[in-house]
C-alpha atoms as a PDB file:
ATOM      1  CA  MET A   1      21.960   5.934   2.687  1.00  0.00           C
ATOM      2  CA  PRO A   2      25.299   6.560   4.409  1.00  0.00           C
ATOM      3  CA  GLN A   3      27.358   9.349   2.970  1.00  0.00           C
ATOM      4  CA  GLY A   4      30.174   8.156   0.734  1.00  0.00           C
ATOM      5  CA  VAL A   5      28.556   4.749   0.078  1.00  0.00           C
ATOM      6  CA  PRO A   6      27.341   4.300  -3.506  1.00  0.00           C
ATOM      7  CA  ARG A   7      23.608   3.661  -3.852  1.00  0.00           C
ATOM      8  CA  GLU A   8      24.214   0.350  -5.661  1.00  0.00           C
ATOM      9  CA  LYS A   9      26.425  -0.987  -2.840  1.00  0.00           C
ATOM     10  CA  PHE A  10      23.947   0.171  -0.185  1.00  0.00           C
ATOM     11  CA  MET A  11      21.054  -1.545  -1.978  1.00  0.00           C
ATOM     12  CA  ALA A  12      23.131  -4.699  -2.552  1.00  0.00           C
ATOM     13  CA  ASP A  13      24.105  -4.868   1.137  1.00  0.00           C
ATOM     14  CA  ASN A  14      20.472  -4.447   2.190  1.00  0.00           C
ATOM     15  CA  ALA A  15      19.280  -6.977  -0.403  1.00  0.00           C
ATOM     16  CA  GLN A  16      21.508  -9.579   1.250  1.00  0.00           C
ATOM     17  CA  ALA A  17      19.775  -8.920   4.557  1.00  0.00           C
ATOM     18  CA  LYS A  18      16.407  -9.769   2.936  1.00  0.00           C
ATOM     19  CA  PRO A  19      14.820 -12.804   4.540  1.00  0.00           C
ATOM     20  CA  ALA A  20      14.727 -15.981   2.472  1.00  0.00           C
ATOM     21  CA  GLN A  21      10.951 -16.357   2.912  1.00  0.00           C
ATOM     22  CA  GLN A  22       8.881 -13.570   1.356  1.00  0.00           C
ATOM     23  CA  PHE A  23       6.087 -12.088   3.440  1.00  0.00           C
ATOM     24  CA  GLN A  24       2.913 -13.948   2.453  1.00  0.00           C
ATOM     25  CA  ARG A  25      -0.577 -12.600   3.078  1.00  0.00           C
ATOM     26  CA  ARG A  26      -3.392 -15.099   3.196  1.00  0.00           C
ATOM     27  CA  THR A  27      -6.181 -12.633   3.921  1.00  0.00           C
ATOM     28  CA  ILE A  28      -7.657 -10.554   1.101  1.00  0.00           C
ATOM     29  CA  LEU A  29      -9.164  -7.883   3.379  1.00  0.00           C
ATOM     30  CA  ILE A  30      -6.222  -6.592   5.406  1.00  0.00           C
ATOM     31  CA  LYS A  31      -7.234  -2.978   6.021  1.00  0.00           C
ATOM     32  CA  LYS A  32     -10.983  -3.379   5.762  1.00  0.00           C
ATOM     33  CA  GLY A  33     -11.953   0.298   6.019  1.00  0.00           C
ATOM     34  CA  LEU A  34      -9.540   1.382   3.298  1.00  0.00           C
ATOM     35  CA  GLN A  35     -10.363  -1.536   1.052  1.00  0.00           C
ATOM     36  CA  TYR A  36     -14.138  -1.193   1.455  1.00  0.00           C
ATOM     37  CA  ARG A  37     -13.943   2.494   0.517  1.00  0.00           C
ATOM     38  CA  TYR A  38     -11.755   1.691  -2.497  1.00  0.00           C
ATOM     39  CA  MET A  39     -14.039  -1.134  -3.608  1.00  0.00           C
ATOM     40  CA  ALA A  40     -17.145   1.030  -3.155  1.00  0.00           C
ATOM     41  CA  LEU A  41     -15.585   3.802  -5.231  1.00  0.00           C
ATOM     42  CA  ILE A  42     -14.792   1.424  -8.090  1.00  0.00           C
ATOM     43  CA  PHE A  43     -18.162  -0.341  -7.811  1.00  0.00           C
ATOM     44  CA  LEU A  44     -20.141   2.905  -7.860  1.00  0.00           C
ATOM     45  CA  SER A  45     -18.070   4.295 -10.733  1.00  0.00           C
ATOM     46  CA  VAL A  46     -18.754   1.232 -12.866  1.00  0.00           C
ATOM     47  CA  LEU A  47     -22.434   1.201 -11.851  1.00  0.00           C
ATOM     48  CA  VAL A  48     -22.847   4.859 -12.853  1.00  0.00           C
ATOM     49  CA  ALA A  49     -21.104   4.106 -16.152  1.00  0.00           C
ATOM     50  CA  PHE A  50     -23.522   1.198 -16.783  1.00  0.00           C
ATOM     51  CA  LEU A  51     -26.496   3.425 -15.967  1.00  0.00           C
ATOM     52  CA  ILE A  52     -25.330   6.232 -18.248  1.00  0.00           C
ATOM     53  CA  VAL A  53     -24.644   3.862 -21.158  1.00  0.00           C
ATOM     54  CA  GLY A  54     -27.922   1.999 -20.548  1.00  0.00           C
ATOM     55  CA  LEU A  55     -30.020   5.145 -20.422  1.00  0.00           C
ATOM     56  CA  ASP A  56     -28.284   6.499 -23.508  1.00  0.00           C
ATOM     57  CA  LEU A  57     -28.954   3.234 -25.334  1.00  0.00           C
ATOM     58  CA  ILE A  58     -32.640   3.275 -24.344  1.00  0.00           C
ATOM     59  CA  TRP A  59     -32.996   6.899 -25.424  1.00  0.00           C
ATOM     60  CA  THR A  60     -31.266   6.227 -28.771  1.00  0.00           C
ATOM     61  CA  VAL A  61     -33.373   3.129 -29.522  1.00  0.00           C
ATOM     62  CA  SER A  62     -36.578   4.973 -28.525  1.00  0.00           C
ATOM     63  CA  LYS A  63     -35.664   7.848 -30.849  1.00  0.00           C
ATOM     64  CA  VAL A  64     -34.989   5.451 -33.733  1.00  0.00           C
ATOM     65  CA  VAL A  65     -38.285   3.601 -33.101  1.00  0.00           C
ATOM     66  CA  ASN A  66     -40.229   6.892 -32.931  1.00  0.00           C
ATOM     67  CA  ASP A  67     -38.684   7.984 -36.230  1.00  0.00           C
ATOM     68  CA  HIS A  68     -39.299   4.569 -37.842  1.00  0.00           C
ATOM     69  CA  PRO A  69     -42.515   3.010 -36.430  1.00  0.00           C
ATOM     70  CA  MET A  70     -41.951  -0.225 -38.347  1.00  0.00           C
ATOM     71  CA  MET A  71     -39.132  -1.011 -35.860  1.00  0.00           C
ATOM     72  CA  GLN A  72     -41.604  -1.233 -32.960  1.00  0.00           C
ATOM     73  CA  PRO A  73     -41.108  -5.058 -32.722  1.00  0.00           C
ATOM     74  CA  LEU A  74     -37.390  -4.426 -32.117  1.00  0.00           C
ATOM     75  CA  LEU A  75     -38.203  -2.266 -29.101  1.00  0.00           C
ATOM     76  CA  GLU A  76     -40.563  -4.920 -27.745  1.00  0.00           C
ATOM     77  CA  ASP A  77     -37.861  -7.582 -28.162  1.00  0.00           C
ATOM     78  CA  ILE A  78     -35.378  -5.407 -26.293  1.00  0.00           C
ATOM     79  CA  PHE A  79     -37.810  -4.904 -23.403  1.00  0.00           C
ATOM     80  CA  THR A  80     -38.469  -8.670 -23.174  1.00  0.00           C
ATOM     81  CA  MET A  81     -34.725  -9.224 -22.872  1.00  0.00           C
ATOM     82  CA  ALA A  82     -34.379  -6.589 -20.121  1.00  0.00           C
ATOM     83  CA  PRO A  83     -34.285  -9.142 -17.240  1.00  0.00           C
ATOM     84  CA  LEU A  84     -31.409 -10.930 -18.978  1.00  0.00           C
ATOM     85  CA  PHE A  85     -29.560  -7.621 -19.333  1.00  0.00           C
ATOM     86  CA  VAL A  86     -30.093  -6.883 -15.652  1.00  0.00           C
ATOM     87  CA  LEU A  87     -28.770 -10.354 -14.750  1.00  0.00           C
ATOM     88  CA  LYS A  88     -25.697  -9.798 -16.931  1.00  0.00           C
ATOM     89  CA  ILE A  89     -25.068  -6.411 -15.347  1.00  0.00           C
ATOM     90  CA  GLY A  90     -25.326  -8.056 -11.915  1.00  0.00           C
ATOM     91  CA  MET A  91     -22.736 -10.654 -12.950  1.00  0.00           C
ATOM     92  CA  TYR A  92     -20.458  -7.945 -14.312  1.00  0.00           C
ATOM     93  CA  MET A  93     -20.765  -6.023 -11.065  1.00  0.00           C
ATOM     94  CA  VAL A  94     -19.789  -9.127  -9.059  1.00  0.00           C
ATOM     95  CA  ILE A  95     -16.711  -9.471 -11.286  1.00  0.00           C
ATOM     96  CA  VAL A  96     -15.927  -5.775 -10.729  1.00  0.00           C
ATOM     97  CA  LEU A  97     -16.210  -6.309  -6.964  1.00  0.00           C
ATOM     98  CA  ILE A  98     -13.835  -9.290  -7.043  1.00  0.00           C
ATOM     99  CA  VAL A  99     -11.304  -7.455  -9.212  1.00  0.00           C
ATOM    100  CA  SER A 100     -11.495  -4.363  -6.997  1.00  0.00           C
ATOM    101  CA  ALA A 101     -10.898  -6.533  -3.901  1.00  0.00           C
ATOM    102  CA  VAL A 102      -7.769  -8.029  -5.489  1.00  0.00           C
ATOM    103  CA  VAL A 103      -6.507  -4.631  -6.665  1.00  0.00           C
ATOM    104  CA  SER A 104      -7.193  -3.038  -3.274  1.00  0.00           C
ATOM    105  CA  HIS A 105      -5.337  -5.928  -1.631  1.00  0.00           C
ATOM    106  CA  ARG A 106      -2.230  -5.027  -3.634  1.00  0.00           C
ATOM    107  CA  MET A 107      -2.380  -1.550  -2.086  1.00  0.00           C
ATOM    108  CA  ALA A 108      -3.678  -2.317   1.404  1.00  0.00           C
ATOM    109  CA  GLY A 109      -1.110  -5.057   2.080  1.00  0.00           C
ATOM    110  CA  PRO A 110       1.891  -2.769   1.590  1.00  0.00           C
ATOM    111  CA  ILE A 111       0.202   0.034   3.541  1.00  0.00           C
ATOM    112  CA  TYR A 112      -0.394  -2.371   6.428  1.00  0.00           C
ATOM    113  CA  LYS A 113       3.221  -3.562   6.213  1.00  0.00           C
ATOM    114  CA  PHE A 114       4.495   0.040   6.280  1.00  0.00           C
ATOM    115  CA  GLU A 115       2.340   0.883   9.308  1.00  0.00           C
ATOM    116  CA  LYS A 116       3.786  -2.076  11.206  1.00  0.00           C
ATOM    117  CA  SER A 117       7.322  -1.269  10.059  1.00  0.00           C
ATOM    118  CA  CYS A 118       7.010   2.372  11.108  1.00  0.00           C
ATOM    119  CA  ALA A 119       5.897   1.244  14.570  1.00  0.00           C
ATOM    120  CA  ILE A 120       8.887  -1.120  14.813  1.00  0.00           C
ATOM    121  CA  VAL A 121      11.354   1.599  13.754  1.00  0.00           C
ATOM    122  CA  ALA A 122       9.702   4.136  16.081  1.00  0.00           C
ATOM    123  CA  SER A 123      10.155   1.704  18.972  1.00  0.00           C
ATOM    124  CA  GLY A 124      13.892   1.781  18.303  1.00  0.00           C
ATOM    125  CA  ASP A 125      14.758  -1.038  15.897  1.00  0.00           C
ATOM    126  CA  LEU A 126      16.803   0.839  13.315  1.00  0.00           C
ATOM    127  CA  THR A 127      17.855  -2.442  11.686  1.00  0.00           C
ATOM    128  CA  HIS A 128      14.310  -3.209  10.524  1.00  0.00           C
ATOM    129  CA  ARG A 129      13.633  -3.220   6.780  1.00  0.00           C
ATOM    130  CA  VAL A 130      10.440  -3.547   4.720  1.00  0.00           C
ATOM    131  CA  TYR A 131      10.139  -6.338   2.160  1.00  0.00           C
ATOM    132  CA  LEU A 132       7.035  -6.401  -0.025  1.00  0.00           C
ATOM    133  CA  ARG A 133       5.811  -9.252  -2.171  1.00  0.00           C
ATOM    134  CA  LYS A 134       6.438  -9.411  -5.879  1.00  0.00           C
ATOM    135  CA  GLY A 135       3.563  -7.639  -7.626  1.00  0.00           C
ATOM    136  CA  ASP A 136       2.684  -5.398  -4.684  1.00  0.00           C
ATOM    137  CA  GLN A 137       2.406  -1.668  -5.176  1.00  0.00           C
ATOM    138  CA  LEU A 138       4.658   0.887  -3.422  1.00  0.00           C
ATOM    139  CA  THR A 139       7.942  -0.907  -4.101  1.00  0.00           C
ATOM    140  CA  ASP A 140       9.628   2.469  -4.716  1.00  0.00           C
ATOM    141  CA  LEU A 141       8.481   3.545  -1.266  1.00  0.00           C
ATOM    142  CA  GLN A 142       9.917   0.295   0.106  1.00  0.00           C
ATOM    143  CA  ASP A 143      13.318   1.113  -1.384  1.00  0.00           C
ATOM    144  CA  HIS A 144      13.275   4.681  -0.065  1.00  0.00           C
ATOM    145  CA  PHE A 145      12.090   3.559   3.381  1.00  0.00           C
ATOM    146  CA  ASN A 146      14.889   0.998   3.584  1.00  0.00           C
ATOM    147  CA  GLU A 147      17.436   3.579   2.419  1.00  0.00           C
ATOM    148  CA  MET A 148      16.160   6.045   5.014  1.00  0.00           C
ATOM    149  CA  THR A 149      16.294   3.603   7.932  1.00  0.00           C
ATOM    150  CA  GLY A 150      19.723   2.428   6.789  1.00  0.00           C
ATOM    151  CA  ALA A 151      21.000   5.998   6.658  1.00  0.00           C
ATOM    152  CA  VAL A 152      19.502   6.835  10.066  1.00  0.00           C
ATOM    153  CA  ASN A 153      21.048   3.653  11.450  1.00  0.00           C
ATOM    154  CA  GLU A 154      24.482   4.648  10.111  1.00  0.00           C
ATOM    155  CA  VAL A 155      24.200   8.163  11.571  1.00  0.00           C
ATOM    156  CA  VAL A 156      23.152   6.780  14.944  1.00  0.00           C
ATOM    157  CA  LYS A 157      26.060   4.302  14.894  1.00  0.00           C
ATOM    158  CA  GLU A 158      28.461   7.204  14.263  1.00  0.00           C
ATOM    159  CA  LEU A 159      26.898   9.226  17.092  1.00  0.00           C
ATOM    160  CA  GLU A 160      27.023   6.249  19.444  1.00  0.00           C
ATOM    161  CA  SER A 161      30.659   5.691  18.573  1.00  0.00           C
ATOM    162  CA  PHE A 162      31.451   9.358  19.150  1.00  0.00           C
ATOM    163  CA  ARG A 163      29.495   9.373  22.430  1.00  0.00           C
ATOM    164  CA  ALA A 164      31.327   6.288  23.700  1.00  0.00           C
ATOM    165  CA  GLU A 165      34.706   7.696  22.685  1.00  0.00           C
ATOM    166  CA  ALA A 166      34.004  11.090  24.280  1.00  0.00           C
ATOM    167  CA  ALA A 167      32.671   9.468  27.472  1.00  0.00           C
ATOM    168  CA  ALA A 168      35.798   7.316  27.781  1.00  0.00           C
ATOM    169  CA  LYS A 169      38.081  10.358  27.570  1.00  0.00           C
ATOM    170  CA  ASP A 170      36.184  12.698  29.891  1.00  0.00           C
ATOM    171  CA  PRO A 171      34.473  11.477  33.123  1.00  0.00           C
ATOM    172  CA  ALA A 172      32.142  14.510  33.085  1.00  0.00           C
ATOM    173  CA  LEU A 173      30.916  13.514  29.643  1.00  0.00           C
ATOM    174  CA  ARG A 174      30.352   9.933  30.838  1.00  0.00           C
ATOM    175  CA  ALA A 175      27.554  11.088  33.166  1.00  0.00           C
ATOM    176  CA  ARG A 176      26.018  13.174  30.379  1.00  0.00           C
ATOM    177  CA  ALA A 177      26.320  10.240  27.944  1.00  0.00           C
ATOM    178  CA  ASP A 178      24.519   7.952  30.420  1.00  0.00           C
ATOM    179  CA  GLU A 179      21.778  10.559  30.787  1.00  0.00           C
ATOM    180  CA  VAL A 180      21.361  10.753  26.988  1.00  0.00           C
ATOM    181  CA  SER A 181      21.243   6.952  26.775  1.00  0.00           C
ATOM    182  CA  GLY A 182      18.476   6.960  29.386  1.00  0.00           C
ATOM    183  CA  LYS A 183      16.489   9.507  27.373  1.00  0.00           C
ATOM    184  CA  ILE A 184      16.908   7.448  24.220  1.00  0.00           C
ATOM    185  CA  ALA A 185      15.712   4.339  26.042  1.00  0.00           C
ATOM    186  CA  GLY A 186      12.648   6.310  27.221  1.00  0.00           C
ATOM    187  CA  ILE A 187      11.819   7.441  23.691  1.00  0.00           C
ATOM    188  CA  MET A 188      12.631   4.171  21.931  1.00  0.00           C
ATOM    189  CA  PRO A 189      12.407   1.270  24.403  1.00  0.00           C
ATOM    190  CA  GLY A 190      13.546  -1.292  21.840  1.00  0.00           C
ATOM    191  CA  TYR A 191      16.495   0.841  20.729  1.00  0.00           C
ATOM    192  CA  LYS A 192      19.068  -1.143  18.807  1.00  0.00           C
ATOM    193  CA  ILE A 193      21.464  -0.304  16.028  1.00  0.00           C
END
């Protein structure tokens, strides 16, 4: 954010530059490696939780049946329903996988967008801003990224103005200014402010 410009005005000016069409992602798996790891972590966590609860339930029912032998038919009924329980757990796990894919998409999309935006800014486009979709995660990072690139852009504009002014007054500085411009173009080929 440029010095002396209130945060609210800076954000309002940058909000006006926001494109009319929001960035829309049509693919659920954007950063497959990241999303697969995230989904596997959630899936395995839920699976372990199911196993722990299931084993605890079996142990508790077995203990009750051993203490009260007349409840033996209850244990037999539970074991006959075991395939149904396994089918239900499978359905629950599919739901967990779908939910984890959607949740990971809300993280991976913004990460992908930031990677692309960082590459654009690194190439020299200091006017570039990040705009995430409503409901995406990392919106605070979006605001800070846009503030940072805006502030860097303002500083570079001031330096460019100073360089041009100094080069116009002193011919020796003009050669040095052209040399610096060449270096900048080598570092950031798409340099624009």
